[in-house]
Amino acid sequence: MTNPISRTEFLENQHTLCKEKGYPFFMPGNGVCFRCRGDIIPRLVEKGEDGKSLVTGCPLCMYSYCE
């Protein structure tokens, strides 16, 4: 089993993806949902995410960051 990705690595991966693909950076820069105030990064990592796919919403309250 591999070690989970760190918060810093997750955010770096998300910033890199957005820069390389020209995507807007939708997710909160600190990883705390604008709506429910929950920390989304641990939940995303728990689901197997590593920040290399675009985060467009909260996995906790399902709030969309791109509407």
PDB file of N, CA and C in Angstrom:
ATOM      1  N   MET A   1       0.835  -1.182   0.000  1.00  0.00           N
ATOM      2  CA  MET A   1       0.000   0.000   0.000  1.00  0.00           C
ATOM      3  C   MET A   1       0.883   1.249   0.000  1.00  0.00           C
ATOM      4  N   THR A   2       0.527   2.230  -0.824  1.00  0.00           N
ATOM      5  CA  THR A   2       1.315   3.444  -0.906  1.00  0.00           C
ATOM      6  C   THR A   2       0.839   4.461   0.120  1.00  0.00           C
ATOM      7  N   ASN A   3       1.743   5.351   0.472  1.00  0.00           N
ATOM      8  CA  ASN A   3       1.380   6.421   1.396  1.00  0.00           C
ATOM      9  C   ASN A   3       0.433   7.387   0.696  1.00  0.00           C
ATOM     10  N   PRO A   4      -0.548   7.905   1.441  1.00  0.00           N
ATOM     11  CA  PRO A   4      -1.440   8.880   0.819  1.00  0.00           C
ATOM     12  C   PRO A   4      -0.678  10.154   0.466  1.00  0.00           C
ATOM     13  N   ILE A   5      -1.164  10.825  -0.530  1.00  0.00           N
ATOM     14  CA  ILE A   5      -0.553  12.062  -0.978  1.00  0.00           C
ATOM     15  C   ILE A   5      -0.743  13.140   0.090  1.00  0.00           C
ATOM     16  N   SER A   6       0.224  14.003   0.227  1.00  0.00           N
ATOM     17  CA  SER A   6       0.122  15.073   1.223  1.00  0.00           C
ATOM     18  C   SER A   6      -0.774  16.198   0.698  1.00  0.00           C
ATOM     19  N   ARG A   7      -1.237  17.018   1.602  1.00  0.00           N
ATOM     20  CA  ARG A   7      -2.058  18.183   1.271  1.00  0.00           C
ATOM     21  C   ARG A   7      -1.302  19.097   0.286  1.00  0.00           C
ATOM     22  N   THR A   8      -0.033  19.345   0.576  1.00  0.00           N
ATOM     23  CA  THR A   8       0.784  20.202  -0.281  1.00  0.00           C
ATOM     24  C   THR A   8       0.906  19.615  -1.683  1.00  0.00           C
ATOM     25  N   GLU A   9       1.177  18.319  -1.766  1.00  0.00           N
ATOM     26  CA  GLU A   9       1.289  17.661  -3.075  1.00  0.00           C
ATOM     27  C   GLU A   9      -0.030  17.732  -3.833  1.00  0.00           C
ATOM     28  N   PHE A  10      -1.138  17.514  -3.138  1.00  0.00           N
ATOM     29  CA  PHE A  10      -2.449  17.567  -3.773  1.00  0.00           C
ATOM     30  C   PHE A  10      -2.669  18.943  -4.394  1.00  0.00           C
ATOM     31  N   LEU A  11      -2.433  19.997  -3.612  1.00  0.00           N
ATOM     32  CA  LEU A  11      -2.637  21.356  -4.114  1.00  0.00           C
ATOM     33  C   LEU A  11      -1.675  21.693  -5.249  1.00  0.00           C
ATOM     34  N   GLU A  12      -0.429  21.263  -5.141  1.00  0.00           N
ATOM     35  CA  GLU A  12       0.545  21.485  -6.212  1.00  0.00           C
ATOM     36  C   GLU A  12       0.091  20.795  -7.498  1.00  0.00           C
ATOM     37  N   ASN A  13      -0.389  19.554  -7.372  1.00  0.00           N
ATOM     38  CA  ASN A  13      -0.879  18.819  -8.549  1.00  0.00           C
ATOM     39  C   ASN A  13      -2.063  19.544  -9.190  1.00  0.00           C
ATOM     40  N   GLN A  14      -2.965  20.061  -8.362  1.00  0.00           N
ATOM     41  CA  GLN A  14      -4.137  20.756  -8.884  1.00  0.00           C
ATOM     42  C   GLN A  14      -3.727  22.050  -9.604  1.00  0.00           C
ATOM     43  N   HIS A  15      -2.808  22.798  -9.014  1.00  0.00           N
ATOM     44  CA  HIS A  15      -2.318  24.029  -9.649  1.00  0.00           C
ATOM     45  C   HIS A  15      -1.605  23.720 -10.968  1.00  0.00           C
ATOM     46  N   THR A  16      -0.784  22.669 -10.974  1.00  0.00           N
ATOM     47  CA  THR A  16      -0.063  22.270 -12.189  1.00  0.00           C
ATOM     48  C   THR A  16      -1.039  21.876 -13.290  1.00  0.00           C
ATOM     49  N   LEU A  17      -2.033  21.056 -12.958  1.00  0.00           N
ATOM     50  CA  LEU A  17      -3.038  20.640 -13.934  1.00  0.00           C
ATOM     51  C   LEU A  17      -3.717  21.859 -14.553  1.00  0.00           C
ATOM     52  N   CYS A  18      -4.158  22.769 -13.711  1.00  0.00           N
ATOM     53  CA  CYS A  18      -4.879  23.947 -14.204  1.00  0.00           C
ATOM     54  C   CYS A  18      -3.991  24.813 -15.085  1.00  0.00           C
ATOM     55  N   LYS A  19      -2.746  24.981 -14.694  1.00  0.00           N
ATOM     56  CA  LYS A  19      -1.814  25.785 -15.490  1.00  0.00           C
ATOM     57  C   LYS A  19      -1.539  25.128 -16.846  1.00  0.00           C
ATOM     58  N   GLU A  20      -1.229  23.825 -16.827  1.00  0.00           N
ATOM     59  CA  GLU A  20      -0.891  23.114 -18.065  1.00  0.00           C
ATOM     60  C   GLU A  20      -2.066  23.026 -19.029  1.00  0.00           C
ATOM     61  N   LYS A  21      -3.269  22.832 -18.510  1.00  0.00           N
ATOM     62  CA  LYS A  21      -4.448  22.653 -19.356  1.00  0.00           C
ATOM     63  C   LYS A  21      -5.213  23.959 -19.602  1.00  0.00           C
ATOM     64  N   GLY A  22      -4.839  25.024 -18.895  1.00  0.00           N
ATOM     65  CA  GLY A  22      -5.539  26.286 -19.043  1.00  0.00           C
ATOM     66  C   GLY A  22      -6.901  26.294 -18.367  1.00  0.00           C
ATOM     67  N   TYR A  23      -7.064  25.426 -17.364  1.00  0.00           N
ATOM     68  CA  TYR A  23      -8.325  25.351 -16.624  1.00  0.00           C
ATOM     69  C   TYR A  23      -8.343  26.405 -15.522  1.00  0.00           C
ATOM     70  N   PRO A  24      -9.535  26.882 -15.167  1.00  0.00           N
ATOM     71  CA  PRO A  24      -9.616  27.733 -13.971  1.00  0.00           C
ATOM     72  C   PRO A  24      -9.415  26.883 -12.722  1.00  0.00           C
ATOM     73  N   PHE A  25      -8.875  27.475 -11.698  1.00  0.00           N
ATOM     74  CA  PHE A  25      -8.684  26.781 -10.424  1.00  0.00           C
ATOM     75  C   PHE A  25      -9.960  26.978  -9.624  1.00  0.00           C
ATOM     76  N   PHE A  26     -10.852  25.976  -9.654  1.00  0.00           N
ATOM     77  CA  PHE A  26     -12.166  26.091  -9.030  1.00  0.00           C
ATOM     78  C   PHE A  26     -12.153  25.854  -7.524  1.00  0.00           C
ATOM     79  N   MET A  27     -11.399  24.877  -7.074  1.00  0.00           N
ATOM     80  CA  MET A  27     -11.472  24.491  -5.662  1.00  0.00           C
ATOM     81  C   MET A  27     -10.911  25.592  -4.763  1.00  0.00           C
ATOM     82  N   PRO A  28     -11.330  25.611  -3.504  1.00  0.00           N
ATOM     83  CA  PRO A  28     -10.772  26.591  -2.573  1.00  0.00           C
ATOM     84  C   PRO A  28      -9.262  26.385  -2.424  1.00  0.00           C
ATOM     85  N   GLY A  29      -8.520  27.450  -2.457  1.00  0.00           N
ATOM     86  CA  GLY A  29      -7.066  27.370  -2.383  1.00  0.00           C
ATOM     87  C   GLY A  29      -6.538  26.771  -1.091  1.00  0.00           C
ATOM     88  N   ASN A  30      -7.323  26.850  -0.021  1.00  0.00           N
ATOM     89  CA  ASN A  30      -6.904  26.269   1.251  1.00  0.00           C
ATOM     90  C   ASN A  30      -7.511  24.887   1.487  1.00  0.00           C
ATOM     91  N   GLY A  31      -8.345  24.425   0.557  1.00  0.00           N
ATOM     92  CA  GLY A  31      -8.946  23.097   0.679  1.00  0.00           C
ATOM     93  C   GLY A  31     -10.166  23.035   1.569  1.00  0.00           C
ATOM     94  N   VAL A  32     -10.649  24.187   2.029  1.00  0.00           N
ATOM     95  CA  VAL A  32     -11.825  24.232   2.898  1.00  0.00           C
ATOM     96  C   VAL A  32     -13.000  24.758   2.083  1.00  0.00           C
ATOM     97  N   CYS A  33     -14.068  23.982   2.020  1.00  0.00           N
ATOM     98  CA  CYS A  33     -15.231  24.316   1.191  1.00  0.00           C
ATOM     99  C   CYS A  33     -15.796  25.681   1.559  1.00  0.00           C
ATOM    100  N   PHE A  34     -16.126  26.435   0.515  1.00  0.00           N
ATOM    101  CA  PHE A  34     -16.718  27.759   0.687  1.00  0.00           C
ATOM    102  C   PHE A  34     -18.075  27.673   1.389  1.00  0.00           C
ATOM    103  N   ARG A  35     -18.789  26.578   1.146  1.00  0.00           N
ATOM    104  CA  ARG A  35     -20.162  26.454   1.655  1.00  0.00           C
ATOM    105  C   ARG A  35     -20.252  25.773   3.020  1.00  0.00           C
ATOM    106  N   CYS A  36     -19.744  24.544   3.114  1.00  0.00           N
ATOM    107  CA  CYS A  36     -19.911  23.775   4.358  1.00  0.00           C
ATOM    108  C   CYS A  36     -18.738  23.928   5.324  1.00  0.00           C
ATOM    109  N   ARG A  37     -17.659  24.552   4.868  1.00  0.00           N
ATOM    110  CA  ARG A  37     -16.459  24.777   5.678  1.00  0.00           C
ATOM    111  C   ARG A  37     -15.724  23.483   6.038  1.00  0.00           C
ATOM    112  N   GLY A  38     -16.047  22.407   5.330  1.00  0.00           N
ATOM    113  CA  GLY A  38     -15.349  21.144   5.551  1.00  0.00           C
ATOM    114  C   GLY A  38     -14.049  21.092   4.768  1.00  0.00           C
ATOM    115  N   ASP A  39     -13.089  20.353   5.270  1.00  0.00           N
ATOM    116  CA  ASP A  39     -11.803  20.168   4.600  1.00  0.00           C
ATOM    117  C   ASP A  39     -11.975  19.086   3.538  1.00  0.00           C
ATOM    118  N   ILE A  40     -11.917  19.472   2.272  1.00  0.00           N
ATOM    119  CA  ILE A  40     -12.212  18.537   1.186  1.00  0.00           C
ATOM    120  C   ILE A  40     -11.038  17.639   0.807  1.00  0.00           C
ATOM    121  N   ILE A  41      -9.817  18.058   1.083  1.00  0.00           N
ATOM    122  CA  ILE A  41      -8.656  17.296   0.619  1.00  0.00           C
ATOM    123  C   ILE A  41      -8.597  15.894   1.235  1.00  0.00           C
ATOM    124  N   PRO A  42      -8.768  15.733   2.552  1.00  0.00           N
ATOM    125  CA  PRO A  42      -8.744  14.358   3.075  1.00  0.00           C
ATOM    126  C   PRO A  42      -9.805  13.449   2.438  1.00  0.00           C
ATOM    127  N   ARG A  43     -10.991  13.988   2.182  1.00  0.00           N
ATOM    128  CA  ARG A  43     -12.048  13.183   1.559  1.00  0.00           C
ATOM    129  C   ARG A  43     -11.661  12.794   0.138  1.00  0.00           C
ATOM    130  N   LEU A  44     -11.100  13.736  -0.610  1.00  0.00           N
ATOM    131  CA  LEU A  44     -10.685  13.429  -1.984  1.00  0.00           C
ATOM    132  C   LEU A  44      -9.574  12.393  -1.995  1.00  0.00           C
ATOM    133  N   VAL A  45      -8.604  12.523  -1.100  1.00  0.00           N
ATOM    134  CA  VAL A  45      -7.511  11.548  -1.013  1.00  0.00           C
ATOM    135  C   VAL A  45      -8.057  10.178  -0.616  1.00  0.00           C
ATOM    136  N   GLU A  46      -8.999  10.163   0.292  1.00  0.00           N
ATOM    137  CA  GLU A  46      -9.647   8.915   0.725  1.00  0.00           C
ATOM    138  C   GLU A  46     -10.310   8.210  -0.456  1.00  0.00           C
ATOM    139  N   LYS A  47     -10.824   8.993  -1.389  1.00  0.00           N
ATOM    140  CA  LYS A  47     -11.478   8.440  -2.579  1.00  0.00           C
ATOM    141  C   LYS A  47     -10.485   8.091  -3.684  1.00  0.00           C
ATOM    142  N   GLY A  48      -9.187   8.266  -3.409  1.00  0.00           N
ATOM    143  CA  GLY A  48      -8.164   7.901  -4.380  1.00  0.00           C
ATOM    144  C   GLY A  48      -7.706   9.027  -5.280  1.00  0.00           C
ATOM    145  N   GLU A  49      -8.163  10.235  -5.026  1.00  0.00           N
ATOM    146  CA  GLU A  49      -7.754  11.385  -5.834  1.00  0.00           C
ATOM    147  C   GLU A  49      -6.353  11.841  -5.429  1.00  0.00           C
ATOM    148  N   ASP A  50      -5.636  12.419  -6.401  1.00  0.00           N
ATOM    149  CA  ASP A  50      -4.290  12.918  -6.112  1.00  0.00           C
ATOM    150  C   ASP A  50      -4.085  14.353  -6.582  1.00  0.00           C
ATOM    151  N   GLY A  51      -5.181  14.990  -6.986  1.00  0.00           N
ATOM    152  CA  GLY A  51      -5.093  16.369  -7.459  1.00  0.00           C
ATOM    153  C   GLY A  51      -4.780  16.486  -8.931  1.00  0.00           C
ATOM    154  N   LYS A  52      -4.649  15.365  -9.625  1.00  0.00           N
ATOM    155  CA  LYS A  52      -4.319  15.395 -11.046  1.00  0.00           C
ATOM    156  C   LYS A  52      -5.545  15.369 -11.935  1.00  0.00           C
ATOM    157  N   SER A  53      -6.732  15.447 -11.333  1.00  0.00           N
ATOM    158  CA  SER A  53      -7.967  15.626 -12.103  1.00  0.00           C
ATOM    159  C   SER A  53      -8.678  16.841 -11.511  1.00  0.00           C
ATOM    160  N   LEU A  54      -9.371  17.557 -12.348  1.00  0.00           N
ATOM    161  CA  LEU A  54      -9.955  18.833 -11.960  1.00  0.00           C
ATOM    162  C   LEU A  54     -11.016  18.678 -10.876  1.00  0.00           C
ATOM    163  N   VAL A  55     -10.858  19.428  -9.804  1.00  0.00           N
ATOM    164  CA  VAL A  55     -11.823  19.428  -8.702  1.00  0.00           C
ATOM    165  C   VAL A  55     -12.790  20.579  -8.958  1.00  0.00           C
ATOM    166  N   THR A  56     -14.063  20.234  -9.143  1.00  0.00           N
ATOM    167  CA  THR A  56     -15.066  21.257  -9.465  1.00  0.00           C
ATOM    168  C   THR A  56     -16.170  21.360  -8.424  1.00  0.00           C
ATOM    169  N   GLY A  57     -16.086  20.556  -7.372  1.00  0.00           N
ATOM    170  CA  GLY A  57     -17.128  20.603  -6.359  1.00  0.00           C
ATOM    171  C   GLY A  57     -16.699  19.954  -5.064  1.00  0.00           C
ATOM    172  N   CYS A  58     -17.498  20.186  -4.048  1.00  0.00           N
ATOM    173  CA  CYS A  58     -17.227  19.653  -2.710  1.00  0.00           C
ATOM    174  C   CYS A  58     -17.716  18.216  -2.610  1.00  0.00           C
ATOM    175  N   PRO A  59     -16.831  17.292  -2.191  1.00  0.00           N
ATOM    176  CA  PRO A  59     -17.248  15.914  -2.015  1.00  0.00           C
ATOM    177  C   PRO A  59     -18.029  15.705  -0.705  1.00  0.00           C
ATOM    178  N   LEU A  60     -18.107  16.728   0.109  1.00  0.00           N
ATOM    179  CA  LEU A  60     -18.814  16.633   1.385  1.00  0.00           C
ATOM    180  C   LEU A  60     -20.270  17.098   1.264  1.00  0.00           C
ATOM    181  N   CYS A  61     -20.480  18.306   0.727  1.00  0.00           N
ATOM    182  CA  CYS A  61     -21.845  18.861   0.643  1.00  0.00           C
ATOM    183  C   CYS A  61     -22.358  18.925  -0.797  1.00  0.00           C
ATOM    184  N   MET A  62     -21.535  18.519  -1.764  1.00  0.00           N
ATOM    185  CA  MET A  62     -21.877  18.483  -3.182  1.00  0.00           C
ATOM    186  C   MET A  62     -22.080  19.880  -3.810  1.00  0.00           C
ATOM    187  N   TYR A  63     -21.556  20.904  -3.164  1.00  0.00           N
ATOM    188  CA  TYR A  63     -21.633  22.274  -3.699  1.00  0.00           C
ATOM    189  C   TYR A  63     -20.736  22.352  -4.933  1.00  0.00           C
ATOM    190  N   SER A  64     -21.231  22.962  -5.999  1.00  0.00           N
ATOM    191  CA  SER A  64     -20.455  23.140  -7.219  1.00  0.00           C
ATOM    192  C   SER A  64     -19.648  24.422  -7.130  1.00  0.00           C
ATOM    193  N   TYR A  65     -18.363  24.315  -7.437  1.00  0.00           N
ATOM    194  CA  TYR A  65     -17.490  25.485  -7.439  1.00  0.00           C
ATOM    195  C   TYR A  65     -17.460  26.165  -8.804  1.00  0.00           C
ATOM    196  N   CYS A  66     -18.121  25.609  -9.780  1.00  0.00           N
ATOM    197  CA  CYS A  66     -18.006  26.159 -11.135  1.00  0.00           C
ATOM    198  C   CYS A  66     -19.317  26.689 -11.704  1.00  0.00           C
ATOM    199  N   GLU A  67     -20.321  26.852 -10.889  1.00  0.00           N
ATOM    200  CA  GLU A  67     -21.578  27.400 -11.399  1.00  0.00           C
ATOM    201  C   GLU A  67     -21.641  28.886 -11.204  1.00  0.00           C
TER     202      GLU A  67
END
